Amino acid sequence: MKKIRLFLVDDHRMMIDMWAALLNADPNFEVVGSGLDGESAFESIKETLPQVVLMDITLPGMSGIELTKLIKEKNPSIKILGVSMHTNILLIKQMLINGASGYVSKTSSFEEMSMAILAIQNGQRFICKDVKDYITNQVISEEDGDPAFKINQLTKRELEIVNMIKDGYSSKEIAEKLFISKRTVEVHRYNIFRKLDVNNITSLIKITNKNIYS
């Protein structure tokens, strides 16, 4: 069996070196490149054409979520595996919405990471045990006061508008950029504020800053 060509993206060189050593020692894998930030990683990925990219979320400049979206737009055949310390459901949701096929935490075992790579390369989805346990505990405890629980109720369009509000866009500007009516934007804003249980932009920024592109 041919080795699966891997590319590693993380802002810590030591983490990349550790992953590379472990993965290259496995007969199933071959690490063909790495990147410490989104921009340089994207250029290297265009040259090396890996089959699977192991993607950290928190990167300098372009986030791992943004880079995932860009890679999938330019080369849909490349599979993306999110690898992060975050077990926040919103971040995982954003990774998957933007093209990732799976997600493992940095506390996952190497065996679980290997299983994830093989699974997504075969066209399957993979979510690590840590995240599954987190979701289960969240549902059981019904922690409605948890910001992550509230934010996870937002739709893809509402998440998009939240980010634009945080960037300072008015309802009119959002409407123009998304090609929808100002009235529709206002309805989305109302639903966002209701779901997050906030009544002003300052509160919205505070509750989302720790949960979106953290």
Protein backbone atom coordinates (compact mmCIF):
# COMPACT_ATOMS: atom_id res chain seq x y z
CA MET A 1 0.00 0.00 0.00
CA LYS A 2 1.26 3.46 -0.90
CA LYS A 3 1.99 5.74 2.00
CA ILE A 4 -0.49 8.55 2.69
CA ARG A 5 1.18 11.90 2.01
CA LEU A 6 0.77 14.23 4.99
CA PHE A 7 1.32 17.95 5.55
CA LEU A 8 1.53 19.38 9.09
CA VAL A 9 0.36 22.88 10.08
CA ASP A 10 1.07 24.16 13.59
CA ASP A 11 2.60 27.36 15.00
CA HIS A 12 4.95 25.42 17.29
CA ARG A 13 8.01 23.86 15.67
CA MET A 14 8.40 21.35 18.51
CA MET A 15 4.87 20.05 17.90
CA ILE A 16 5.55 19.65 14.18
CA ASP A 17 8.83 17.83 14.86
CA MET A 18 7.09 15.46 17.28
CA TRP A 19 4.26 14.68 14.86
CA ALA A 20 6.68 14.21 11.98
CA ALA A 21 8.85 11.77 13.93
CA LEU A 22 5.87 9.67 15.01
CA LEU A 23 4.11 9.69 11.65
CA ASN A 24 7.20 8.97 9.56
CA ALA A 25 7.91 5.96 11.79
CA ASP A 26 4.54 4.50 10.76
CA PRO A 27 4.63 2.56 7.46
CA ASN A 28 1.25 4.03 6.47
CA PHE A 29 2.41 7.64 6.40
CA GLU A 30 4.91 10.01 4.83
CA VAL A 31 5.24 13.64 5.97
CA VAL A 32 5.94 15.71 2.84
CA GLY A 33 5.96 19.19 4.37
CA SER A 34 4.99 21.52 7.19
CA GLY A 35 4.07 25.13 7.89
CA LEU A 36 4.13 27.41 10.92
CA ASP A 37 1.55 29.89 9.62
CA GLY A 38 -1.37 29.87 7.23
CA GLU A 39 0.13 31.85 4.37
CA SER A 40 3.39 29.90 4.05
CA ALA A 41 1.58 26.60 4.61
CA PHE A 42 -0.83 27.31 1.75
CA GLU A 43 2.03 28.01 -0.68
CA SER A 44 3.85 24.81 0.37
CA ILE A 45 0.66 22.74 0.09
CA LYS A 46 0.22 23.90 -3.52
CA GLU A 47 3.72 22.55 -4.28
CA THR A 48 3.72 19.31 -2.27
CA LEU A 49 0.07 18.29 -2.93
CA PRO A 50 -0.44 16.16 0.19
CA GLN A 51 -3.42 13.84 0.53
CA VAL A 52 -4.15 14.82 4.14
CA VAL A 53 -3.38 18.04 6.04
CA LEU A 54 -3.20 17.98 9.85
CA MET A 55 -4.44 21.46 10.72
CA ASP A 56 -4.07 23.42 13.94
CA ILE A 57 -6.77 26.07 14.50
CA THR A 58 -4.77 28.79 16.24
CA LEU A 59 -2.22 30.18 13.79
CA PRO A 60 -0.60 33.60 13.34
CA GLY A 61 -2.43 35.62 10.70
CA MET A 62 -4.82 33.35 8.82
CA SER A 63 -6.58 30.93 11.18
CA GLY A 64 -6.68 27.18 10.60
CA ILE A 65 -10.40 27.49 9.87
CA GLU A 66 -9.77 30.09 7.15
CA LEU A 67 -6.91 28.06 5.72
CA THR A 68 -9.07 24.94 5.63
CA LYS A 69 -11.70 26.79 3.60
CA LEU A 70 -9.06 28.14 1.19
CA ILE A 71 -7.46 24.72 0.63
CA LYS A 72 -10.81 23.06 -0.06
CA GLU A 73 -11.76 25.80 -2.52
CA LYS A 74 -8.51 25.39 -4.47
CA ASN A 75 -8.07 21.62 -4.16
CA PRO A 76 -11.19 19.78 -2.92
CA SER A 77 -9.49 16.37 -3.05
CA ILE A 78 -7.18 17.22 -0.13
CA LYS A 79 -8.55 15.96 3.18
CA ILE A 80 -8.24 18.12 6.31
CA LEU A 81 -7.94 16.80 9.87
CA GLY A 82 -8.35 19.44 12.58
CA VAL A 83 -5.84 18.98 15.41
CA SER A 84 -6.17 21.36 18.34
CA MET A 85 -6.25 21.80 22.10
CA HIS A 86 -9.80 23.16 21.73
CA THR A 87 -12.76 20.94 22.56
CA ASN A 88 -15.14 23.84 21.95
CA ILE A 89 -18.09 22.64 19.90
CA LEU A 90 -18.35 25.90 17.95
CA LEU A 91 -14.76 25.70 16.70
CA ILE A 92 -15.21 22.06 15.70
CA LYS A 93 -18.43 22.97 13.92
CA GLN A 94 -16.67 25.78 12.04
CA MET A 95 -13.84 23.46 11.00
CA LEU A 96 -16.30 20.90 9.63
CA ILE A 97 -18.46 23.53 7.90
CA ASN A 98 -15.37 24.90 6.17
CA GLY A 99 -14.23 21.54 4.84
CA ALA A 100 -12.49 19.48 7.53
CA SER A 101 -13.33 15.77 7.49
CA GLY A 102 -12.35 15.09 11.09
CA TYR A 103 -11.11 16.48 14.37
CA VAL A 104 -8.77 15.23 17.09
CA SER A 105 -7.45 17.01 20.15
CA LYS A 106 -3.77 17.34 21.01
CA THR A 107 -4.44 15.11 24.00
CA SER A 108 -5.52 12.27 21.70
CA SER A 109 -3.29 9.23 21.50
CA PHE A 110 -1.13 8.58 18.44
CA GLU A 111 -3.25 5.50 17.78
CA GLU A 112 -6.38 7.65 17.64
CA MET A 113 -4.69 10.17 15.34
CA SER A 114 -3.62 7.33 13.01
CA MET A 115 -7.17 5.99 12.97
CA ALA A 116 -8.45 9.47 12.13
CA ILE A 117 -6.06 9.91 9.20
CA LEU A 118 -6.91 6.52 7.74
CA ALA A 119 -10.64 7.12 8.21
CA ILE A 120 -10.80 10.51 6.47
CA GLN A 121 -8.51 9.32 3.67
CA ASN A 122 -11.10 6.60 3.06
CA GLY A 123 -13.88 9.17 2.84
CA GLN A 124 -15.20 8.82 6.38
CA ARG A 125 -15.68 11.37 9.16
CA PHE A 126 -13.79 11.10 12.45
CA ILE A 127 -14.31 12.87 15.79
CA CYS A 128 -12.02 11.95 18.69
CA LYS A 129 -13.23 10.44 21.96
CA ASP A 130 -12.44 13.59 23.99
CA VAL A 131 -14.83 15.65 21.88
CA LYS A 132 -17.53 12.97 21.86
CA ASP A 133 -17.32 12.79 25.66
CA TYR A 134 -17.52 16.58 25.89
CA ILE A 135 -20.66 16.64 23.72
CA THR A 136 -22.24 13.85 25.77
CA ASN A 137 -21.51 15.61 29.07
CA GLN A 138 -22.87 18.86 27.71
CA VAL A 139 -26.13 17.26 26.64
CA ILE A 140 -26.54 15.37 29.91
CA SER A 141 -25.84 18.40 32.12
CA GLU A 142 -27.93 20.74 29.93
CA GLU A 143 -25.65 23.63 30.72
CA ASP A 144 -27.75 26.35 29.13
CA GLY A 145 -25.63 29.01 30.82
CA ASP A 146 -22.44 27.81 29.12
CA PRO A 147 -21.43 30.29 26.36
CA ALA A 148 -20.29 27.45 24.13
CA PHE A 149 -23.70 25.80 24.53
CA LYS A 150 -25.43 29.03 23.50
CA ILE A 151 -23.14 29.75 20.56
CA ASN A 152 -23.54 26.22 19.25
CA GLN A 153 -27.22 27.02 18.63
CA LEU A 154 -26.28 29.57 15.95
CA THR A 155 -26.71 28.68 12.28
CA LYS A 156 -23.93 28.98 9.69
CA ARG A 157 -25.40 32.27 8.44
CA GLU A 158 -25.72 33.62 11.98
CA LEU A 159 -22.06 32.72 12.72
CA GLU A 160 -21.07 34.58 9.56
CA ILE A 161 -23.02 37.67 10.65
CA VAL A 162 -21.57 37.48 14.18
CA ASN A 163 -18.06 37.72 12.74
CA MET A 164 -19.06 40.67 10.54
CA ILE A 165 -20.64 42.48 13.49
CA LYS A 166 -17.42 41.94 15.44
CA ASP A 167 -15.49 43.42 12.51
CA GLY A 168 -17.57 46.57 12.80
CA TYR A 169 -19.89 46.20 9.82
CA SER A 170 -23.32 47.87 9.99
CA SER A 171 -26.52 46.04 9.07
CA LYS A 172 -26.56 47.85 5.73
CA GLU A 173 -22.95 46.84 4.97
CA ILE A 174 -23.62 43.23 5.97
CA ALA A 175 -26.67 43.15 3.71
CA GLU A 176 -24.63 44.43 0.76
CA LYS A 177 -21.80 41.94 1.30
CA LEU A 178 -24.13 38.95 1.72
CA PHE A 179 -26.56 40.03 -1.02
CA ILE A 180 -29.55 39.96 1.31
CA SER A 181 -31.93 42.67 2.49
CA LYS A 182 -31.22 44.88 5.48
CA ARG A 183 -34.46 43.58 7.00
CA THR A 184 -33.15 40.01 6.78
CA VAL A 185 -29.94 41.07 8.52
CA GLU A 186 -31.97 42.67 11.31
CA VAL A 187 -33.94 39.45 11.78
CA HIS A 188 -30.66 37.50 12.01
CA ARG A 189 -29.30 40.02 14.52
CA TYR A 190 -32.42 39.67 16.65
CA ASN A 191 -32.14 35.87 16.63
CA ILE A 192 -28.41 36.02 17.43
CA PHE A 193 -28.93 38.32 20.42
CA ARG A 194 -31.85 36.17 21.63
CA LYS A 195 -29.92 32.88 21.38
CA LEU A 196 -26.84 34.34 23.10
CA ASP A 197 -28.98 36.13 25.71
CA VAL A 198 -27.20 39.47 25.15
CA ASN A 199 -28.61 42.94 24.48
CA ASN A 200 -25.68 44.89 23.02
CA ILE A 201 -22.65 44.43 20.75
CA THR A 202 -20.18 44.73 23.65
CA SER A 203 -21.78 41.72 25.35
CA LEU A 204 -21.88 39.83 22.05
CA ILE A 205 -18.15 40.40 21.51
CA LYS A 206 -17.37 39.34 25.07
CA ILE A 207 -19.30 36.06 24.86
CA THR A 208 -17.92 35.12 21.42
CA ASN A 209 -14.28 36.22 21.66
CA LYS A 210 -13.32 33.11 23.64
CA ASN A 211 -15.25 30.78 21.35
CA ILE A 212 -14.81 31.95 17.77
CA TYR A 213 -11.32 31.66 16.21
CA SER A 214 -9.84 31.39 19.72
